Every structure is written in structure tokens, then in C-alpha cells.
């Protein structure tokens, strides 16, 4: 084997960008096959074998495969064809194997000590410890075991952070950005396909709102691609990012998701701020103009789509923005406020540690034709959900992780000399300023399998910040005050 193909930090074969792209495209093709053939058993077998080859070939490649498959494979396909014994999900089996590989590598290193110490290790350990303790608290309070297992599985996915810091080389951060954009593009295309399958475009004003748990990849993809377009020095990659924004942005528009739209705008405002404070940014004025034009581009894409298809996006958006439910199964603002009030009453009774995982709320849903009583284990609010299960202490620990990560990312933008490092740090700042705001309307960050992506983002920020000296000082540059 050519020594140049080895990763000098780990001794493992380095996964080239072309090979990674080929694997992603091949898996996308495999995912599409079940929709055109009746017998999915061969497809499942190939997906399993392909994933196994990635797992046992390289721990970093296994982490990337885990993230990619967790996003692009629809939930229904996992439920119907890729459920493991004892009710485990396929991606959970992959997660366990990745953890085993990381642990084995730690043992083979021959030094039984903490492999990598980053500035995010402590808050992550505190949060994961609180998650485990919250399970014990839930058992003490007699919470439903089945509900507890549903609630606790996703926060525990953040343990992937340590597998990233144990096994990854920081130079793979650029590959991860590509994985995020490709996965977001696939999810966007899935949204478009589902829209066309349900809507009759020959009927003017026909519209169907697509909403699935993978939808968080859409605002994520827009913000990651936009940041890469401004920061990546490669013209080829910038063109690719610009092209990816089209299907992802159109899917964001079709969701008519108010929270997603607010998150995208928040991220773009943060992106403008990062462009301003970056001391090495060239042609700052042009880049700020691009950021300002991007919301207009997204609106233009949606308007053009509506003009061609006749889909009633504008009317549906106007109704939702006016806080009127467009469909019976769409939660109204009033319904959310009722659930928040019930949750706050429980939080007040147990403010510090919450009711433990498995805690639920019960309230009357009145925005449907036939009102009914609903019992739910989560709310449309990240912070209230955390406080309901883990109290103020758990919520504070979760926010601590991301605020410390954003602080480290801001420092990387200001002091790093490496373009790819500054790009990844800017991406983290932009994305998680948006996601923390989006948490006001959705608990997705702790209630879906996309938690794998958050863990990897945090892991790379921790590794990248480790490479900087403690007393790094920002030196003024000739371009720092110039406006292109």
C-alpha cells in the first residue's frame, strides 16, 4: 500500500474524497431501489453488507457511514425492513459496533488513559451522566419503561462525540461537511418526490405539507452549504455547494415550517456576523451581499416552483404565518401553548432534576374535528422537554455543551491560519446559533437519530480547538478592515 494513502495520525487507510462520494452515491441508489422493486430482501442484504464493510474497514469511515445512513434512509424503511432483534434500530446496531471499534482501538494502544482531552469532554460527560441518572430517577418515580427507552435512546447518541475524538483526524472535518451537504440534498430530493407523489399539480392551489423527522437536515444543509460557499477556497466545491442549495432550499420552502424558516434566517444573520469578524476574510462586501441575497434566492425558488406547478405554497404559508392550521393534523399555536402550560406545572413541582426519562404530559387536543386526550413524552420545545425530563440541571448541561463549543469555534475563526479550520468553525457557529433558536419550536436535537450529526460536529470542534495554543492572539491583517 502506498504510504501516502495512510493517515499519519492513526495509521489507517485514508478515505479519499472520490471514494467517499462514490460510496454515498452507491448507497443513494440502494435506497431508491425498494421504491421500484417488490422484493426488498436483496436490497437489505446489500445495505447491511456495505455498512459492515465500512465499519470493519475504518472507524472514521464507519462514523461517516453511520451519520449518512441515519439521515437518508426513511424512517418507514427502518421500521419495516431494518429492525434488529429486541426492537433495536439498524443505526443503533451500527452505533454499538462503532463504539466497540473505538474501545478496541483504545485497548490496543496499550495506554489505559483518556485518549484525547478536549475542552468539550467535561460538559459532554456531565450531560451523559445526567442522562443515565435521569433514567434511574424515572425508575424511582415509576415512569413507563417503554416510554423511558424511547426518550433516552437519542440523548445517548451524543456519546458518538467521544468516538470522534478517539479515532478521527482533524483533517477529516472537510469530508464531514461534504457528507452533511450530500445527505441534506438526498433528504431534500426525498421531500420533493413525496410532494409530487401526493399533490395533483393539475389542480391549481393543490398543496401537501411534507414533514418528517429527517427534515432537520434541510435548514442544516442550507446553512452548511452557504457557509462553505463563502469560506471554501476551491471553485469546484463552491459550485457544488451552490447547486446543492437549490433542491435543499426548495424542500425548506415546501415544508412551510415556520421554525425552520426562522432558524435559516437566524443562521444567515450569524453568517453575516462571522464574515464581518473574520480577520482574514477577503472581499467582505461581496460576501455580505451574497448572504443578504440568499433569503431572496430561496423565496424566488419557491415562487418559481409555484408558478410552474400551480402548487398553493403562498396561500398555505400565509395561513400558517397567520397562526391558522392548514390541516387537521397540524398543531396550532394554541395547542402548543396548552401543552407548555401542562409541562410547566410539572416542571415547577420538580424543578432541579425533573421527573426523569419516561415523564409524560396529558392534555386535551381541541384543534381537530373530534377533540381527544393526548399523552406525550416530548413537547415542541427543546428546553421544556429537557426540563421536564432532567430539570434545570439537565437543560443547563445541554446548553453548556453548545455554548462552550460556539465559544471555541469563535476563537478558531479569529485566530486560526488554516482555511479549512476556519470554515468548519464558521459552519459550527452558523449552524448552532440557528439550531439553538430552532429549539424553541422543536425538540429535534434530542428526539431524533440526527443527534449523531450534532455529536460529530461537537467532536471536530473539540479536536480543532485543541490544536490552538492557549494564549493565541489575533494579529491584525492588511485585509482586516478592507471591504471588497
Protein backbone atom coordinates (compact mmCIF):
# COMPACT_ATOMS: atom_id res chain seq x y z
CA UNK A 1 0.00 0.00 0.00
CA UNK A 2 1.19 3.48 -0.83
CA UNK A 3 2.37 5.18 2.40
CA UNK A 4 0.91 8.46 1.15
CA UNK A 5 -2.56 6.90 1.40
CA UNK A 6 -2.16 6.28 5.13
CA UNK A 7 -3.44 8.61 7.80
CA UNK A 8 -0.29 9.65 9.72
CA UNK A 9 -2.22 10.27 12.92
CA UNK A 10 -3.86 6.85 13.11
CA UNK A 11 -2.07 4.55 10.72
CA UNK A 12 -5.36 3.74 8.99
CA UNK A 13 -6.03 3.96 5.27
CA UNK A 14 -7.13 7.46 4.39
CA UNK A 15 -10.60 7.67 2.84
CA UNK A 16 -10.29 9.75 -0.32
CA UNK A 17 -12.95 12.27 -1.25
CA UNK A 18 -13.70 10.46 -4.53
CA UNK A 19 -14.15 7.11 -2.78
CA UNK A 20 -16.39 8.70 -0.14
CA UNK A 21 -18.52 10.34 -2.84
CA UNK A 22 -18.79 7.02 -4.71
CA UNK A 23 -19.93 5.21 -1.56
CA UNK A 24 -22.54 7.89 -0.89
CA UNK A 25 -23.89 7.75 -4.45
CA UNK A 26 -24.00 3.95 -4.36
CA UNK A 27 -25.95 3.98 -1.11
CA UNK A 28 -28.38 6.54 -2.50
CA UNK A 29 -29.03 4.18 -5.41
CA UNK A 30 -29.63 1.31 -2.99
CA UNK A 31 -32.10 3.39 -1.02
CA UNK A 32 -34.06 4.18 -4.19
CA UNK A 33 -34.31 0.56 -5.33
CA UNK A 34 -37.05 -0.51 -2.84
CA UNK A 35 -39.41 2.03 -4.39
CA UNK A 36 -39.27 0.34 -7.81
CA UNK A 37 -38.97 -3.35 -6.91
CA UNK A 38 -41.28 -5.51 -4.85
CA UNK A 39 -38.78 -7.76 -3.13
CA UNK A 40 -36.55 -5.71 -0.81
CA UNK A 41 -34.66 -8.59 0.81
CA UNK A 42 -31.68 -8.40 -1.61
CA UNK A 43 -31.52 -4.65 -1.10
CA UNK A 44 -31.47 -5.01 2.67
CA UNK A 45 -28.71 -7.61 2.40
CA UNK A 46 -26.57 -5.33 0.23
CA UNK A 47 -27.09 -2.34 2.55
CA UNK A 48 -26.10 -4.46 5.55
CA UNK A 49 -23.01 -5.84 3.81
CA UNK A 50 -21.96 -2.41 2.55
CA UNK A 51 -22.35 -0.90 6.00
CA UNK A 52 -20.42 -3.79 7.55
CA UNK A 53 -17.56 -3.29 5.09
CA UNK A 54 -17.39 0.37 6.05
CA UNK A 55 -17.50 -0.47 9.74
CA UNK A 56 -14.71 -3.02 9.70
CA UNK A 57 -12.60 -1.15 7.21
CA UNK A 58 -12.05 2.06 9.16
CA UNK A 59 -13.51 3.57 12.31
CA UNK A 60 -13.72 7.11 10.81
CA UNK A 61 -15.42 5.71 7.69
CA UNK A 62 -17.85 3.85 9.95
CA UNK A 63 -18.76 7.08 11.75
CA UNK A 64 -19.43 8.80 8.43
CA UNK A 65 -21.47 5.84 7.17
CA UNK A 66 -23.50 5.88 10.38
CA UNK A 67 -24.31 9.58 10.02
CA UNK A 68 -25.12 9.31 6.32
CA UNK A 69 -27.41 6.29 6.64
CA UNK A 70 -29.16 7.67 9.70
CA UNK A 71 -30.23 10.71 7.66
CA UNK A 72 -31.03 9.43 4.17
CA UNK A 73 -32.83 6.16 4.89
CA UNK A 74 -36.53 6.95 5.55
CA UNK A 75 -37.96 6.07 8.93
CA UNK A 76 -40.56 3.77 7.36
CA UNK A 77 -37.85 1.71 5.69
CA UNK A 78 -36.02 1.29 9.01
CA UNK A 79 -39.24 0.26 10.75
CA UNK A 80 -40.35 -2.24 8.10
CA UNK A 81 -37.10 -3.80 6.90
CA UNK A 82 -34.15 -2.87 9.14
CA UNK A 83 -35.32 -3.62 12.67
CA UNK A 84 -32.86 -5.69 14.70
CA UNK A 85 -33.74 -8.18 17.47
CA UNK A 86 -35.17 -6.74 20.72
CA UNK A 87 -36.51 -3.74 18.81
CA UNK A 88 -33.13 -2.12 18.17
CA UNK A 89 -32.83 0.08 15.11
CA UNK A 90 -30.32 -0.70 12.40
CA UNK A 91 -28.38 2.51 13.04
CA UNK A 92 -28.25 1.65 16.74
CA UNK A 93 -26.56 -1.62 15.86
CA UNK A 94 -24.05 0.34 13.78
CA UNK A 95 -23.56 2.73 16.69
CA UNK A 96 -22.75 -0.14 19.04
CA UNK A 97 -20.24 -1.55 16.55
CA UNK A 98 -18.56 1.84 16.15
CA UNK A 99 -18.31 2.11 19.93
CA UNK A 100 -16.79 -1.36 20.10
CA UNK A 101 -14.21 -0.47 17.44
CA UNK A 102 -13.25 2.71 19.29
CA UNK A 103 -12.93 0.80 22.57
CA UNK A 104 -10.83 -1.93 20.94
CA UNK A 105 -8.52 0.63 19.42
CA UNK A 106 -8.15 2.25 22.85
CA UNK A 107 -7.13 -1.10 24.34
CA UNK A 108 -4.69 -1.88 21.54
CA UNK A 109 -2.96 1.45 22.05
CA UNK A 110 -1.60 -0.04 25.26
CA UNK A 111 -2.05 3.09 27.36
CA UNK A 112 -5.17 2.86 29.51
CA UNK A 113 -5.74 6.59 29.89
CA UNK A 114 -8.16 9.12 28.46
CA UNK A 115 -7.15 9.13 24.76
CA UNK A 116 -7.99 12.74 23.89
CA UNK A 117 -8.80 15.56 26.24
CA UNK A 118 -10.75 18.41 24.67
CA UNK A 119 -12.45 21.43 26.16
CA UNK A 120 -15.83 19.78 25.50
CA UNK A 121 -15.11 16.47 27.26
CA UNK A 122 -16.25 17.65 30.67
CA UNK A 123 -19.64 19.15 29.69
CA UNK A 124 -20.36 16.13 27.49
CA UNK A 125 -19.55 13.70 30.32
CA UNK A 126 -21.71 15.71 32.70
CA UNK A 127 -24.63 15.66 30.28
CA UNK A 128 -24.37 11.93 29.54
CA UNK A 129 -24.03 11.22 33.26
CA UNK A 130 -27.20 13.21 33.90
CA UNK A 131 -29.00 11.25 31.17
CA UNK A 132 -28.11 7.97 32.88
CA UNK A 133 -29.03 9.39 36.27
CA UNK A 134 -32.34 10.59 34.84
CA UNK A 135 -33.13 7.00 33.86
CA UNK A 136 -32.65 5.94 37.49
CA UNK A 137 -34.80 8.86 38.60
CA UNK A 138 -37.52 7.82 36.16
CA UNK A 139 -37.49 4.30 37.59
CA UNK A 140 -37.73 5.76 41.10
CA UNK A 141 -40.78 7.78 40.14
CA UNK A 142 -42.34 4.76 38.42
CA UNK A 143 -42.28 6.10 34.87
CA UNK A 144 -43.24 3.83 31.99
CA UNK A 145 -40.26 1.70 30.94
CA UNK A 146 -41.26 1.68 27.27
CA UNK A 147 -41.60 5.47 27.25
CA UNK A 148 -38.27 5.78 29.07
CA UNK A 149 -36.49 3.69 26.44
CA UNK A 150 -37.98 5.83 23.66
CA UNK A 151 -36.90 9.04 25.39
CA UNK A 152 -33.39 8.10 26.46
CA UNK A 153 -32.03 6.47 23.31
CA UNK A 154 -31.48 9.70 21.38
CA UNK A 155 -29.61 11.71 24.05
CA UNK A 156 -27.27 8.74 24.46
CA UNK A 157 -26.31 9.06 20.78
CA UNK A 158 -24.21 12.06 21.82
CA UNK A 159 -21.67 9.52 23.10
CA UNK A 160 -20.53 9.38 19.46
CA UNK A 161 -18.65 12.58 20.35
CA UNK A 162 -16.02 10.50 22.16
CA UNK A 163 -15.67 8.07 19.28
CA UNK A 164 -14.89 11.05 17.06
CA UNK A 165 -12.30 12.46 19.43
CA UNK A 166 -10.76 8.99 19.96
CA UNK A 167 -10.44 7.95 16.31
CA UNK A 168 -10.69 10.96 13.98
CA UNK A 169 -8.04 13.11 12.41
CA UNK A 170 -9.00 16.79 12.26
CA UNK A 171 -8.36 16.86 8.51
CA UNK A 172 -11.48 14.77 8.02
CA UNK A 173 -13.65 17.74 9.01
CA UNK A 174 -13.88 18.83 5.37
CA UNK A 175 -15.11 15.36 4.39
CA UNK A 176 -17.77 15.59 7.07
CA UNK A 177 -19.00 18.88 5.63
CA UNK A 178 -19.43 17.11 2.28
CA UNK A 179 -21.32 14.26 4.00
CA UNK A 180 -23.71 16.76 5.58
CA UNK A 181 -24.44 18.53 2.29
CA UNK A 182 -24.89 15.28 0.32
CA UNK A 183 -27.20 13.84 2.98
CA UNK A 184 -29.21 17.07 3.08
CA UNK A 185 -29.53 17.01 -0.71
CA UNK A 186 -30.84 13.43 -0.63
CA UNK A 187 -33.37 14.34 2.05
CA UNK A 188 -34.42 17.38 0.01
CA UNK A 189 -34.98 15.22 -3.06
CA UNK A 190 -37.00 12.76 -0.98
CA UNK A 191 -39.22 15.63 0.15
CA UNK A 192 -39.74 16.71 -3.45
CA UNK A 193 -40.58 13.17 -4.57
CA UNK A 194 -43.08 12.74 -1.76
CA UNK A 195 -44.65 16.09 -2.62
CA UNK A 196 -45.13 15.13 -6.26
CA UNK A 197 -46.49 11.70 -5.32
CA UNK A 198 -49.24 13.23 -3.19
CA UNK A 199 -50.09 16.51 -4.93
CA UNK A 200 -52.02 16.72 -8.18
CA UNK A 201 -50.24 19.59 -9.92
CA UNK A 202 -53.02 19.79 -12.48
CA UNK A 203 -55.27 21.26 -9.77
CA UNK A 204 -54.47 24.89 -9.06
CA UNK A 205 -53.66 25.56 -5.42
CA UNK A 206 -53.14 21.89 -4.59
CA UNK A 207 -50.68 21.55 -1.73
CA UNK A 208 -49.48 18.93 0.73
CA UNK A 209 -47.15 19.76 3.57
CA UNK A 210 -44.33 17.22 3.88
CA UNK A 211 -42.94 16.83 7.39
CA UNK A 212 -40.69 14.03 8.62
CA UNK A 213 -38.09 13.64 11.35
CA UNK A 214 -35.24 13.91 8.83
CA UNK A 215 -36.43 17.41 7.96
CA UNK A 216 -33.87 18.98 10.29
CA UNK A 217 -31.30 18.19 7.60
CA UNK A 218 -32.90 20.83 5.35
CA UNK A 219 -32.06 24.01 7.31
CA UNK A 220 -28.80 22.32 8.26
CA UNK A 221 -27.93 21.72 4.60
CA UNK A 222 -28.79 25.28 3.54
CA UNK A 223 -26.62 26.83 6.26
CA UNK A 224 -23.69 24.43 5.83
CA UNK A 225 -23.69 24.85 2.04
CA UNK A 226 -23.97 28.65 2.30
CA UNK A 227 -21.06 28.83 4.73
CA UNK A 228 -18.94 26.56 2.55
CA UNK A 229 -19.76 28.71 -0.49
CA UNK A 230 -18.33 31.77 1.27
CA UNK A 231 -15.36 30.16 3.01
CA UNK A 232 -14.17 27.32 0.77
CA UNK A 233 -11.28 28.41 -1.48
CA UNK A 234 -11.97 25.69 -4.07
CA UNK A 235 -14.12 26.96 -7.01
CA UNK A 236 -15.28 23.41 -7.78
CA UNK A 237 -16.59 22.81 -4.27
CA UNK A 238 -18.21 26.23 -4.20
CA UNK A 239 -20.11 25.45 -7.40
CA UNK A 240 -21.20 22.15 -5.89
CA UNK A 241 -22.44 23.89 -2.75
CA UNK A 242 -24.38 26.44 -4.80
CA UNK A 243 -26.01 23.64 -6.80
CA UNK A 244 -26.95 21.75 -3.62
CA UNK A 245 -28.77 24.79 -2.21
CA UNK A 246 -31.41 24.57 -4.97
CA UNK A 247 -33.09 21.24 -4.02
CA UNK A 248 -32.47 21.73 -0.31
CA UNK A 249 -33.81 25.28 -0.36
CA UNK A 250 -36.89 24.27 -2.35
CA UNK A 251 -37.59 21.49 0.15
CA UNK A 252 -37.27 24.01 3.01
CA UNK A 253 -39.86 26.19 1.28
CA UNK A 254 -42.20 23.24 0.72
CA UNK A 255 -42.17 22.28 4.38
CA UNK A 256 -43.81 25.63 5.19
CA UNK A 257 -42.07 25.18 8.51
CA UNK A 258 -42.12 28.43 10.44
CA UNK A 259 -39.47 27.24 12.87
CA UNK A 260 -37.21 26.13 10.02
CA UNK A 261 -37.55 29.48 8.27
CA UNK A 262 -36.70 31.36 11.46
CA UNK A 263 -33.71 29.05 12.00
CA UNK A 264 -32.40 29.68 8.48
CA UNK A 265 -32.73 33.45 8.89
CA UNK A 266 -31.02 33.29 12.29
CA UNK A 267 -28.16 31.28 10.81
CA UNK A 268 -27.75 33.72 7.92
CA UNK A 269 -27.62 36.66 10.32
CA UNK A 270 -24.89 34.82 12.24
CA UNK A 271 -23.12 34.07 8.95
CA UNK A 272 -23.05 37.78 8.15
CA UNK A 273 -21.57 38.40 11.59
CA UNK A 274 -18.89 35.75 11.05
CA UNK A 275 -17.96 37.33 7.70
CA UNK A 276 -17.56 40.69 9.46
CA UNK A 277 -15.42 39.45 12.35
CA UNK A 278 -13.20 37.08 10.35
CA UNK A 279 -9.87 38.94 10.19
CA UNK A 280 -8.75 37.01 7.09
CA UNK A 281 -11.91 37.41 5.05
CA UNK A 282 -11.34 38.90 1.61
CA UNK A 283 -13.93 40.75 -0.48
CA UNK A 284 -16.07 41.12 2.62
CA UNK A 285 -18.59 43.40 0.94
CA UNK A 286 -19.35 40.91 -1.84
CA UNK A 287 -19.77 38.08 0.62
CA UNK A 288 -22.16 40.13 2.76
CA UNK A 289 -24.16 40.84 -0.39
CA UNK A 290 -24.38 37.09 -1.06
CA UNK A 291 -25.66 36.48 2.47
CA UNK A 292 -28.26 39.23 2.09
CA UNK A 293 -29.44 37.85 -1.27
CA UNK A 294 -29.74 34.23 -0.16
CA UNK A 295 -33.20 34.60 1.50
CA UNK A 296 -34.42 36.27 -1.70
CA UNK A 297 -32.99 33.37 -3.69
CA UNK A 298 -34.88 30.85 -1.55
CA UNK A 299 -38.11 32.82 -1.88
CA UNK A 300 -37.50 33.10 -5.62
CA UNK A 301 -37.00 29.34 -5.94
CA UNK A 302 -40.28 28.74 -4.14
CA UNK A 303 -42.13 31.35 -6.21
CA UNK A 304 -40.79 29.93 -9.46
CA UNK A 305 -41.80 26.42 -8.40
CA UNK A 306 -45.29 27.63 -7.59
CA UNK A 307 -45.63 29.40 -10.93
CA UNK A 308 -44.61 26.26 -12.84
CA UNK A 309 -46.63 23.73 -10.85
CA UNK A 310 -49.52 25.81 -9.54
CA UNK A 311 -48.93 24.48 -6.01
CA UNK A 312 -50.51 26.70 -3.37
CA UNK A 313 -47.35 27.38 -1.38
CA UNK A 314 -48.08 31.06 -0.89
CA UNK A 315 -51.61 30.56 0.44
CA UNK A 316 -50.50 27.82 2.81
CA UNK A 317 -47.58 29.89 4.05
CA UNK A 318 -49.84 32.90 4.62
CA UNK A 319 -52.26 30.80 6.68
CA UNK A 320 -49.51 29.27 8.79
CA UNK A 321 -47.80 32.59 9.33
CA UNK A 322 -51.17 33.91 10.44
CA UNK A 323 -51.26 31.09 13.01
CA UNK A 324 -54.14 29.27 11.33
CA UNK A 325 -53.81 25.49 10.94
CA UNK A 326 -53.92 24.49 7.28
CA UNK A 327 -54.73 20.85 8.05
CA UNK A 328 -56.34 18.96 10.89
CA UNK A 329 -53.13 17.22 11.91
CA UNK A 330 -51.16 20.47 12.07
CA UNK A 331 -50.52 21.59 15.64
CA UNK A 332 -51.77 25.11 16.20
CA UNK A 333 -50.07 27.71 18.36
CA UNK A 334 -52.90 27.37 20.89
CA UNK A 335 -52.35 23.63 21.17
CA UNK A 336 -48.65 24.13 21.81
CA UNK A 337 -49.32 26.71 24.49
CA UNK A 338 -51.68 24.29 26.24
CA UNK A 339 -49.00 21.58 26.26
CA UNK A 340 -46.42 24.09 27.51
CA UNK A 341 -48.69 25.12 30.38
CA UNK A 342 -49.21 21.49 31.46
CA UNK A 343 -45.46 20.82 31.22
CA UNK A 344 -44.57 23.93 33.22
CA UNK A 345 -46.88 22.79 36.02
CA UNK A 346 -44.91 19.53 36.26
CA UNK A 347 -41.56 21.31 35.96
CA UNK A 348 -42.44 23.62 38.85
CA UNK A 349 -43.08 20.60 41.07
CA UNK A 350 -39.65 19.10 40.26
CA UNK A 351 -37.53 21.99 39.01
CA UNK A 352 -33.97 20.81 39.59
CA UNK A 353 -33.82 17.24 38.26
CA UNK A 354 -37.22 16.86 36.60
CA UNK A 355 -39.35 13.75 36.58
CA UNK A 356 -36.77 11.53 34.91
CA UNK A 357 -36.86 9.98 31.48
CA UNK A 358 -40.27 8.49 30.82
CA UNK A 359 -42.11 11.54 32.20
CA UNK A 360 -45.18 12.43 30.14
CA UNK A 361 -47.82 15.13 29.92
CA UNK A 362 -51.53 14.67 29.25
CA UNK A 363 -53.74 17.38 27.77
CA UNK A 364 -56.84 17.88 25.65
CA UNK A 365 -56.31 18.48 21.91
CA UNK A 366 -59.10 20.72 20.65
CA UNK A 367 -57.91 21.85 17.21
CA UNK A 368 -59.27 18.75 15.47
CA UNK A 369 -62.87 17.98 14.49
CA UNK A 370 -63.07 15.38 17.26
CA UNK A 371 -61.16 16.56 20.37
CA UNK A 372 -59.14 13.90 22.15
CA UNK A 373 -56.84 13.45 25.13
CA UNK A 374 -53.16 13.14 24.19
CA UNK A 375 -50.35 11.73 26.31
CA UNK A 376 -46.90 12.69 25.04
CA UNK A 377 -43.33 12.35 26.24
CA UNK A 378 -41.98 15.41 24.44
CA UNK A 379 -43.04 18.92 23.55
CA UNK A 380 -42.46 21.19 20.59
CA UNK A 381 -39.73 22.89 22.60
CA UNK A 382 -36.23 21.57 23.25
CA UNK A 383 -35.70 23.36 26.54
CA UNK A 384 -39.04 22.50 28.12
CA UNK A 385 -38.58 18.87 27.08
CA UNK A 386 -35.18 18.79 28.75
CA UNK A 387 -36.50 20.42 31.90
CA UNK A 388 -39.49 18.05 32.00
CA UNK A 389 -37.17 15.03 31.94
CA UNK A 390 -33.93 16.30 33.52
CA UNK A 391 -34.82 19.57 35.23
CA UNK A 392 -32.92 22.83 35.11
CA UNK A 393 -29.67 20.97 35.76
CA UNK A 394 -30.04 18.78 32.68
CA UNK A 395 -31.12 21.67 30.46
CA UNK A 396 -28.19 23.79 31.66
CA UNK A 397 -25.74 20.92 30.98
CA UNK A 398 -27.03 20.53 27.43
CA UNK A 399 -26.79 24.25 26.66
CA UNK A 400 -23.34 24.35 28.29
CA UNK A 401 -22.00 21.91 25.68
CA UNK A 402 -23.06 24.02 22.72
CA UNK A 403 -22.24 27.41 24.22
CA UNK A 404 -18.72 26.22 25.02
CA UNK A 405 -18.45 24.75 21.51
CA UNK A 406 -19.56 28.06 19.98
CA UNK A 407 -17.04 29.93 22.11
CA UNK A 408 -14.25 27.65 20.89
CA UNK A 409 -15.47 27.96 17.30
CA UNK A 410 -15.47 31.76 17.53
CA UNK A 411 -11.88 31.66 18.73
CA UNK A 412 -10.93 29.37 15.84
CA UNK A 413 -12.42 31.79 13.32
CA UNK A 414 -10.46 34.67 14.79
CA UNK A 415 -7.05 33.08 15.28
CA UNK A 416 -6.63 30.05 13.03
CA UNK A 417 -4.41 30.31 9.96
CA UNK A 418 -5.87 27.24 8.29
CA UNK A 419 -8.71 27.85 5.81
CA UNK A 420 -10.48 24.52 6.39
CA UNK A 421 -10.36 25.01 10.18
CA UNK A 422 -11.88 28.47 9.91
CA UNK A 423 -14.52 27.14 7.54
CA UNK A 424 -15.56 24.36 9.91
CA UNK A 425 -15.59 26.71 12.89
CA UNK A 426 -17.71 29.22 10.97
CA UNK A 427 -20.08 26.40 9.99
CA UNK A 428 -20.46 25.36 13.61
CA UNK A 429 -21.19 28.93 14.73
CA UNK A 430 -23.75 29.50 11.98
CA UNK A 431 -25.47 26.14 12.34
CA UNK A 432 -25.82 26.03 16.11
CA UNK A 433 -26.86 29.62 16.51
CA UNK A 434 -29.76 28.54 14.27
CA UNK A 435 -30.36 25.19 15.97
CA UNK A 436 -30.48 26.66 19.48
CA UNK A 437 -33.12 29.11 18.27
CA UNK A 438 -34.97 26.33 16.43
CA UNK A 439 -35.11 24.52 19.78
CA UNK A 440 -37.80 26.99 20.84
CA UNK A 441 -40.16 25.29 18.35
CA UNK A 442 -38.89 21.71 18.22
CA UNK A 443 -37.10 19.13 20.36
CA UNK A 444 -35.40 17.50 17.38
CA UNK A 445 -31.88 17.84 18.80
CA UNK A 446 -32.63 15.23 21.47
CA UNK A 447 -35.51 13.33 19.90
CA UNK A 448 -34.25 12.02 16.55
CA UNK A 449 -31.38 9.92 15.23
CA UNK A 450 -29.86 13.09 13.73
CA UNK A 451 -28.22 13.56 17.13
CA UNK A 452 -25.34 11.64 15.51
CA UNK A 453 -24.58 14.70 13.37
CA UNK A 454 -24.55 17.03 16.38
CA UNK A 455 -22.13 14.72 18.20
CA UNK A 456 -19.72 14.67 15.24
CA UNK A 457 -19.86 18.46 14.86
CA UNK A 458 -19.02 18.83 18.55
CA UNK A 459 -16.22 16.26 18.29
CA UNK A 460 -14.49 18.07 15.45
CA UNK A 461 -14.77 21.45 17.17
CA UNK A 462 -13.17 19.94 20.26
CA UNK A 463 -10.32 18.44 18.21
CA UNK A 464 -9.75 21.62 16.19
CA UNK A 465 -9.67 23.84 19.28
CA UNK A 466 -7.08 21.51 20.83
CA UNK A 467 -4.65 22.43 18.06
CA UNK A 468 -4.58 26.11 19.08
CA UNK A 469 -2.24 27.47 21.75
CA UNK A 470 -3.92 28.69 24.91
CA UNK A 471 -2.60 32.22 24.52
CA UNK A 472 -3.34 32.68 20.82
CA UNK A 473 -3.63 36.34 19.93
CA UNK A 474 -5.40 37.80 16.95
CA UNK A 475 -2.95 39.76 14.81
CA UNK A 476 -4.33 42.50 12.57
CA UNK A 477 -4.01 41.80 8.85
CA UNK A 478 -3.97 44.02 5.85
CA UNK A 479 -7.41 42.78 4.81
CA UNK A 480 -9.00 43.02 8.25
CA UNK A 481 -10.51 46.43 7.68
CA UNK A 482 -10.92 46.37 3.94
CA UNK A 483 -14.29 45.99 2.30
CA UNK A 484 -14.17 44.34 -1.11
